[in-house]
Protein backbone atom coordinates (compact mmCIF):
# COMPACT_ATOMS: atom_id res chain seq x y z
CA MET A 1 -0.03 -0.03 0.03
CA LYS A 2 1.30 3.51 -0.84
CA CYS A 3 2.24 5.84 1.86
CA CYS A 4 -0.33 8.68 2.22
CA ILE A 5 1.50 11.97 2.76
CA LEU A 6 -0.04 15.46 3.19
CA PHE A 7 2.23 18.44 2.42
CA VAL A 8 1.14 21.84 3.76
CA ASP A 9 2.69 25.24 2.86
CA ASP A 10 0.91 28.63 2.32
CA GLU A 11 3.22 29.61 -0.55
CA PRO A 12 1.88 28.24 -3.91
CA ASN A 13 5.34 28.31 -5.58
CA VAL A 14 6.56 26.04 -2.73
CA ILE A 15 3.81 23.59 -3.24
CA ALA A 16 4.46 23.66 -7.00
CA GLY A 17 8.14 22.98 -6.37
CA LEU A 18 7.31 20.02 -4.07
CA ARG A 19 5.05 18.61 -6.68
CA ARG A 20 7.73 18.76 -9.32
CA MET A 21 10.51 17.52 -7.03
CA LEU A 22 8.54 14.62 -5.67
CA HIS A 23 6.90 13.60 -8.95
CA PRO A 24 9.26 10.53 -9.41
CA LEU A 25 7.96 9.18 -6.08
CA ARG A 26 4.41 9.01 -7.13
CA ALA A 27 4.52 5.27 -7.51
CA GLU A 28 5.50 4.88 -3.86
CA TRP A 29 3.69 7.82 -2.27
CA ASP A 30 0.04 8.94 -2.42
CA MET A 31 0.67 12.75 -2.14
CA HIS A 32 -1.74 15.50 -1.32
CA PHE A 33 -1.07 19.22 -1.01
CA ALA A 34 -2.72 21.99 0.93
CA THR A 35 -2.03 25.71 1.13
CA SER A 36 -3.54 26.32 4.60
CA GLY A 37 -4.02 24.63 7.95
CA ALA A 38 -7.85 24.62 7.39
CA GLU A 39 -7.50 23.08 4.06
CA ALA A 40 -5.17 20.50 5.35
CA LEU A 41 -7.62 19.47 8.12
CA THR A 42 -10.45 19.16 5.62
CA LEU A 43 -8.28 16.90 3.34
CA ALA A 44 -7.09 14.88 6.29
CA GLU A 45 -10.70 13.85 7.14
CA LYS A 46 -10.81 11.91 3.75
CA LEU A 47 -7.35 10.36 3.85
CA PRO A 48 -5.78 7.31 5.31
CA LEU A 49 -3.07 9.64 6.78
CA ASP A 50 0.40 8.29 7.32
CA VAL A 51 2.57 11.42 7.35
CA VAL A 52 2.04 15.19 7.58
CA VAL A 53 4.85 17.54 6.42
CA SER A 54 4.06 21.15 7.22
CA ASP A 55 5.67 24.64 7.09
CA MET A 56 5.61 26.52 10.33
CA ARG A 57 4.83 30.15 9.60
CA MET A 58 1.45 30.32 7.87
CA PRO A 59 -1.34 32.81 8.19
CA GLY A 60 -4.44 31.83 10.04
CA MET A 61 -3.33 28.59 11.40
CA ASP A 62 0.36 28.19 11.87
CA GLY A 63 2.22 24.90 11.55
CA ALA A 64 2.53 24.19 15.34
CA THR A 65 -1.29 24.64 15.75
CA LEU A 66 -1.99 22.46 12.74
CA LEU A 67 0.30 19.64 13.86
CA GLY A 68 -1.14 19.82 17.36
CA GLU A 69 -4.59 19.23 15.77
CA ILE A 70 -3.17 16.39 13.73
CA ARG A 71 -1.70 14.77 16.87
CA ASP A 72 -5.06 14.92 18.67
CA ARG A 73 -7.22 13.79 15.66
CA TYR A 74 -4.90 11.32 13.91
CA PRO A 75 -2.35 10.23 16.61
CA SER A 76 -0.80 7.47 14.52
CA ALA A 77 0.32 9.97 11.75
CA ILE A 78 4.01 10.97 11.74
CA ARG A 79 4.43 14.75 11.98
CA ILE A 80 7.32 16.53 10.34
CA VAL A 81 8.07 20.31 10.15
CA LEU A 82 9.65 21.52 6.85
CA SER A 83 10.50 25.13 7.35
CA GLY A 84 12.91 27.78 6.00
CA HIS A 85 12.60 30.14 8.88
CA SER A 86 15.26 30.42 11.54
CA ASP A 87 12.90 31.90 14.08
CA ARG A 88 13.89 30.08 17.40
CA ALA A 89 10.35 30.69 18.91
CA MET A 90 8.88 28.99 15.87
CA ALA A 91 11.28 26.06 16.27
CA MET A 92 10.50 25.68 19.86
CA GLY A 93 6.79 25.80 19.12
CA SER A 94 7.18 22.66 17.14
CA VAL A 95 9.15 20.71 19.67
CA ARG A 96 6.10 19.22 21.45
CA VAL A 97 4.06 18.60 18.30
CA ALA A 98 6.55 17.54 15.63
CA HIS A 99 8.50 14.32 15.58
CA GLN A 100 11.21 15.78 13.27
CA TYR A 101 12.26 19.23 11.96
CA LEU A 102 13.74 19.53 8.51
CA ALA A 103 15.10 22.74 7.00
CA LYS A 104 14.38 24.24 3.62
CA PRO A 105 15.72 23.72 0.99
CA CYS A 106 15.37 20.00 1.54
CA SER A 107 16.23 17.49 -1.28
CA ALA A 108 13.80 14.73 -2.37
CA ASP A 109 16.45 12.16 -1.15
CA LYS A 110 16.42 13.80 2.39
CA LEU A 111 12.62 13.84 2.59
CA ARG A 112 12.42 10.25 1.28
CA THR A 113 15.05 9.02 3.79
CA THR A 114 13.33 10.68 6.66
CA ILE A 115 9.88 9.52 5.83
CA ASP A 116 10.84 6.01 4.82
CA ARG A 117 12.93 5.54 8.01
CA ALA A 118 9.96 6.64 10.25
CA ARG A 119 7.64 4.37 8.35
CA GLN A 120 9.97 1.35 8.69
CA LEU A 121 10.09 1.93 12.41
CA ARG A 122 6.32 2.14 12.47
CA ALA A 123 6.15 -1.23 10.71
CA THR A 124 8.16 -2.78 13.63
CA LEU A 125 5.47 -1.63 16.09
CA GLN A 126 2.81 -4.19 15.44
CA SER A 127 0.36 -2.84 17.96
CA PRO A 128 -1.91 0.08 16.67
CA HIS A 129 -2.56 1.05 20.32
CA LEU A 130 1.13 1.42 21.10
CA ALA A 131 1.72 3.31 17.83
CA GLU A 132 -0.89 5.89 18.81
CA LEU A 133 0.35 6.11 22.37
CA ILE A 134 3.97 6.79 21.36
CA SER A 135 2.95 9.20 18.52
CA ARG A 136 1.05 11.28 21.05
CA MET A 137 4.02 11.39 23.41
CA ASP A 138 5.61 14.91 23.47
CA ARG A 139 7.13 14.67 27.00
CA LEU A 140 8.62 11.83 29.15
CA PRO A 141 8.51 11.54 32.92
CA SER A 142 11.56 13.00 34.58
CA ILE A 143 12.90 12.44 38.17
CA PRO A 144 11.11 15.09 40.32
CA ALA A 145 14.18 16.00 42.34
CA LEU A 146 16.24 16.48 39.11
CA TYR A 147 13.45 18.49 37.43
CA THR A 148 13.34 20.77 40.53
CA GLN A 149 17.16 21.14 40.47
CA LEU A 150 17.05 22.07 36.75
CA VAL A 151 14.32 24.75 37.28
CA ASP A 152 16.25 26.22 40.18
CA GLU A 153 19.44 26.31 38.10
CA ILE A 154 17.90 28.01 35.07
CA GLU A 155 16.00 30.46 37.18
CA SER A 156 19.00 31.37 39.22
CA PRO A 157 20.73 34.75 38.51
CA SER A 158 24.01 32.84 38.63
CA GLY A 159 22.67 29.85 36.65
CA SER A 160 24.88 28.28 33.95
CA ALA A 161 24.17 26.05 30.95
CA LYS A 162 27.07 23.81 31.95
CA ARG A 163 25.47 22.99 35.34
CA ALA A 164 22.15 22.69 33.80
CA GLY A 165 23.59 20.14 31.38
CA GLU A 166 25.14 18.15 34.15
CA ILE A 167 21.53 17.86 35.73
CA ILE A 168 19.99 16.94 32.40
CA ALA A 169 22.65 14.18 31.81
CA ARG A 170 21.47 12.43 34.96
CA ASP A 171 18.01 11.98 33.64
CA VAL A 172 16.95 9.54 30.93
CA ALA A 173 13.88 11.53 29.67
CA MET A 174 15.51 14.90 29.67
CA SER A 175 18.58 13.57 27.92
CA ALA A 176 16.55 12.08 25.17
CA LYS A 177 14.47 15.18 24.51
CA VAL A 178 17.44 17.56 24.59
CA LEU A 179 19.36 15.35 22.13
CA GLN A 180 16.27 15.23 19.91
CA PHE A 181 16.10 19.00 19.76
CA VAL A 182 19.73 19.94 19.36
CA ASN A 183 20.11 17.40 16.56
CA SER A 184 17.26 18.75 14.59
CA ALA A 185 17.84 20.54 11.25
CA PHE A 186 16.94 23.77 12.88
CA PHE A 187 20.33 23.97 14.60
CA GLY A 188 22.23 22.68 11.58
CA MET A 189 25.07 21.17 13.67
CA PRO A 190 28.02 20.15 11.51
CA GLN A 191 28.25 16.90 13.58
CA ARG A 192 25.70 15.03 15.56
CA VAL A 193 25.63 15.83 19.32
CA THR A 194 25.66 12.61 21.45
CA SER A 195 26.29 14.20 24.92
CA PRO A 196 23.24 15.70 26.72
CA ALA A 197 25.60 17.92 28.74
CA GLN A 198 27.27 19.23 25.57
CA ALA A 199 23.72 19.67 23.94
CA ALA A 200 22.71 21.91 26.91
CA VAL A 201 25.77 24.14 26.56
CA LEU A 202 25.08 24.44 22.74
CA LEU A 203 21.46 25.41 23.45
CA GLY A 204 22.45 27.99 26.11
CA LEU A 205 20.69 28.89 29.32
CA ASN A 206 18.05 31.23 27.77
CA LEU A 207 16.90 28.60 25.26
CA LEU A 208 16.91 25.90 28.01
CA LYS A 209 14.67 28.23 30.10
CA SER A 210 12.20 28.60 27.20
CA LEU A 211 12.06 24.81 26.66
CA VAL A 212 11.68 23.95 30.29
CA LEU A 213 9.45 26.68 31.53
CA GLY A 214 7.78 28.12 28.42
CA PHE A 215 7.16 25.10 26.23
CA GLN A 216 7.37 22.60 29.18
CA VAL A 217 9.13 19.86 27.13
CA PHE A 218 9.86 17.93 30.43
CA SER A 219 7.20 16.54 32.62
CA VAL A 220 7.39 15.47 36.28
CA ASP A 221 5.41 12.70 37.99
CA ARG A 222 5.53 13.45 41.72
CA ASN A 223 4.12 9.99 42.75
CA ALA A 224 6.75 8.75 45.16
CA GLY A 225 6.75 5.13 43.80
CA SER A 226 7.18 6.39 40.23
CA ALA A 227 10.05 8.67 41.38
CA ALA A 228 11.83 5.84 43.05
CA ASP A 229 11.44 3.67 39.90
CA LEU A 230 12.87 6.48 37.74
CA GLU A 231 15.80 6.97 40.13
CA ARG A 232 16.60 3.17 40.07
CA LEU A 233 16.35 3.18 36.25
CA TRP A 234 18.70 6.14 36.02
CA ALA A 235 21.26 4.67 38.41
CA HIS A 236 21.29 1.46 36.29
CA SER A 237 21.55 3.48 33.05
CA LEU A 238 24.40 5.56 34.31
CA THR A 239 26.33 2.34 35.28
CA VAL A 240 25.62 0.76 31.86
CA SER A 241 26.68 3.88 30.10
CA SER A 242 29.96 4.18 31.98
CA LEU A 243 30.72 0.42 31.76
CA ALA A 244 29.85 0.45 28.02
CA ARG A 245 32.47 3.26 27.51
CA HIS A 246 35.05 1.02 29.32
CA ILE A 247 34.19 -2.11 27.30
CA ALA A 248 34.08 -0.29 23.98
CA SER A 249 37.58 1.19 24.68
CA GLU A 250 38.92 -2.09 25.85
CA GLU A 251 37.62 -3.79 22.67
CA ARG A 252 39.33 -1.04 20.58
CA ALA A 253 36.14 0.46 19.08
CA PRO A 254 36.56 3.54 16.83
CA PRO A 255 35.87 6.80 18.78
CA GLN A 256 32.45 7.30 17.26
CA GLU A 257 31.39 3.78 18.33
CA VAL A 258 32.62 4.52 21.86
CA GLU A 259 30.55 7.70 21.97
CA ASP A 260 27.48 5.71 20.57
CA ALA A 261 28.06 3.10 23.33
CA VAL A 262 27.94 5.93 25.95
CA ILE A 263 24.70 7.46 24.85
CA GLY A 264 23.10 4.09 23.89
CA GLY A 265 23.93 2.89 27.34
CA MET A 266 22.35 5.83 28.88
CA LEU A 267 19.09 5.36 26.78
CA HIS A 268 18.99 1.63 26.45
CA ASP A 269 16.12 1.13 28.83
CA ILE A 270 14.06 4.20 27.82
CA GLY A 271 11.24 1.89 26.69
CA LYS A 272 10.55 1.07 30.35
CA ILE A 273 9.21 4.55 31.05
CA LEU A 274 6.91 4.30 28.01
CA VAL A 275 5.18 1.03 29.07
CA PRO A 276 1.39 1.65 29.27
CA PRO A 277 -0.81 0.01 31.98
CA SER A 278 -1.41 -3.64 31.35
CA PRO A 279 -4.84 -4.63 30.00
CA SER A 280 -4.77 -7.56 32.34
CA SER A 281 -3.99 -5.69 35.54
CA PRO A 282 -4.95 -2.21 36.83
CA GLY A 283 -2.54 0.56 37.47
CA LYS A 284 0.83 1.58 36.00
CA PRO A 285 3.36 -1.22 35.96
CA ASP A 286 6.69 -0.53 37.65
CA LEU A 287 9.82 -0.30 35.60
CA ALA A 288 10.79 -3.86 36.24
CA GLU A 289 7.89 -4.87 33.97
CA ASP A 290 8.44 -8.39 32.63
CA ASP A 291 9.38 -8.22 29.02
CA GLU A 292 7.89 -11.61 28.12
CA ARG A 293 4.46 -10.49 29.42
CA PHE A 294 4.75 -7.28 27.44
CA VAL A 295 5.52 -9.25 24.24
CA ARG A 296 2.58 -11.49 24.81
CA GLU A 297 0.15 -8.60 25.30
CA TYR A 298 1.45 -6.24 22.66
CA GLY A 299 3.44 -8.21 20.20
CA VAL A 300 6.53 -6.15 20.59
CA SER A 301 9.48 -5.84 23.01
CA ILE A 302 10.08 -3.04 25.51
CA GLU A 303 13.25 -2.51 23.51
CA GLN A 304 11.41 -2.07 20.33
CA LEU A 305 9.11 0.47 21.97
CA GLY A 306 11.99 2.58 23.12
CA ALA A 307 13.79 2.37 19.79
CA TYR A 308 10.64 3.40 17.87
CA LEU A 309 10.23 6.54 19.97
CA LEU A 310 13.86 7.60 19.49
CA GLY A 311 13.58 6.74 15.76
CA ILE A 312 10.62 8.86 14.99
CA TRP A 313 12.31 11.67 17.11
CA GLY A 314 15.15 11.58 14.61
CA LEU A 315 17.98 10.32 16.86
CA PRO A 316 20.89 8.64 14.86
CA ALA A 317 20.19 5.12 13.58
CA SER A 318 23.25 3.76 15.49
CA ILE A 319 21.67 4.80 18.80
CA VAL A 320 18.21 3.53 17.87
CA GLU A 321 19.84 0.09 16.88
CA ILE A 322 21.66 -0.08 20.34
CA VAL A 323 18.26 0.38 22.04
CA ALA A 324 16.48 -2.09 19.76
CA TYR A 325 19.15 -4.85 19.96
CA HIS A 326 21.09 -4.47 23.16
CA ARG A 327 19.47 -7.62 24.68
CA ARG A 328 19.59 -9.75 21.56
CA PRO A 329 22.42 -8.47 19.41
CA SER A 330 22.61 -11.47 17.08
CA GLU A 331 19.11 -10.62 15.77
CA ARG A 332 20.49 -7.59 14.07
CA ALA A 333 21.46 -8.05 10.42
CA GLY A 334 24.80 -6.86 9.20
CA PRO A 335 28.34 -6.75 10.50
CA ARG A 336 29.14 -6.91 14.24
CA SER A 337 28.70 -3.53 15.96
CA LEU A 338 31.14 -2.84 18.81
CA SER A 339 28.81 -0.28 20.25
CA ILE A 340 25.87 -2.69 20.46
CA TRP A 341 28.13 -5.39 21.81
CA SER A 342 29.43 -3.04 24.49
CA VAL A 343 26.00 -1.99 25.71
CA HIS A 344 24.81 -5.62 25.64
CA ALA A 345 27.75 -6.82 27.73
CA ALA A 346 27.61 -3.78 30.00
CA ASN A 347 23.88 -4.36 30.71
CA ALA A 348 24.26 -8.01 31.38
CA VAL A 349 27.15 -7.32 33.86
CA ALA A 350 25.27 -4.44 35.63
CA GLU A 351 22.06 -6.36 36.02
CA ARG A 352 23.70 -9.52 37.56
CA PHE A 353 26.94 -8.07 39.18
CA PRO A 354 29.06 -9.71 40.51
CA GLU A 355 28.14 -12.92 38.63
CA ASP A 356 30.92 -13.81 36.14
CA ASP A 357 29.58 -16.77 34.26
CA PRO A 358 28.80 -15.50 30.70
CA ASP A 359 26.03 -18.09 30.30
CA VAL A 360 24.30 -17.13 33.54
CA LEU A 361 24.72 -13.49 32.65
CA GLY A 362 22.93 -14.22 29.36
CA ILE A 363 25.66 -12.87 27.16
CA ASP A 364 25.42 -13.57 23.56
CA ARG A 365 28.37 -15.82 22.79
CA GLU A 366 27.70 -15.71 19.05
CA TYR A 367 28.16 -12.01 19.12
CA ALA A 368 31.14 -11.95 21.52
CA GLY A 369 33.90 -11.98 18.91
CA PRO A 370 37.42 -13.42 19.59
CA GLY A 371 39.07 -13.68 22.93
CA ASP A 372 38.60 -15.38 26.28
CA LEU A 373 35.07 -14.33 27.21
CA VAL A 374 35.32 -15.43 30.79
CA ALA A 375 38.43 -13.42 31.45
CA ARG A 376 36.78 -10.37 29.71
CA VAL A 377 33.69 -10.65 31.94
CA ARG A 378 35.92 -10.79 35.01
CA SER A 379 37.61 -7.60 33.76
CA TRP A 380 34.27 -5.90 33.30
CA ASN A 381 33.14 -6.96 36.73
CA ALA A 382 36.20 -5.25 38.26
CA ALA A 383 35.37 -2.11 36.22
CA CYS A 384 31.74 -2.31 37.42
CA LEU A 385 32.96 -2.58 41.02
CA ARG A 386 34.92 0.72 40.60
CA LEU A 387 31.92 2.44 39.06
CA ARG A 388 29.79 1.54 42.07
């Protein structure tokens, strides 16, 4: 079935240019075009909508308002901003309603790659209920104490982006959202940013203040049980991230794969904070939710759930793959990835420390590569002990 895409821009010449540029894709895409938000919503009522690509600055109804309506009415649709404006307020206005931000001019190849990647990720999420749940998600729950510290820091007359970044880097949800924003096309970074602390410094304190207080891109759940769960999750994620750096360096991974292992280790369990209440039991499950139960009820793993969110948010494919395959690296097609292996091994050791039997740890021997695995595990346990 063709992908149904709605393009929205108030400038007729832009719409004409899109029609010409994308004409070769007509066999794969069912494309529709609107010159206003109102026209787009009217068209959307008649379409099996998969993707909406909208400009931001439009008269009457701007792009942020339109995409907010699309999110509420058609939550499974992927929402992308395509804008040539460098207005920071406009960009921040899109951060809670758009999955990705592309800058004009944008080539047909870039559009195709972005849309196809998002659709491929959608295909891995077999549950329509989960697809809608994740597509609606504009914020993730943060640890209340860290959220309070962040607000205090950015509101302080002596506040600094560096200290704010250090706080953000201690929270899974805030790290993911800041990385999504700073790596968007709006900022046009020459290289991708993989450190949440660095991302905060690049954004600057004023922009962080707008994101946190003005656009409220972070949420906080003050339920004590939930806070304790989030703190345990972050403590584990921090250990895995640090141990993954050690393992990747020990395995002589290239610098980029070491950095991928660090951020992948930080975000590897992000799916656990997305888990919806179980249909078979009331209330929100805790973060130790059994993955087998989740697979039985939803047909996907918690790892796939987290990878899907990061993928449609536009985080690098290498990070998305770490999240998706860190428990079962052999299921990934293609050559062995040292970053995936490092997070897989680090997670196994951190979960069952100080166990040193690779089989008890559940380490994937097929993916281990050359070398004495038992000796390597003992080395990792010693590193894990230092990290604790």
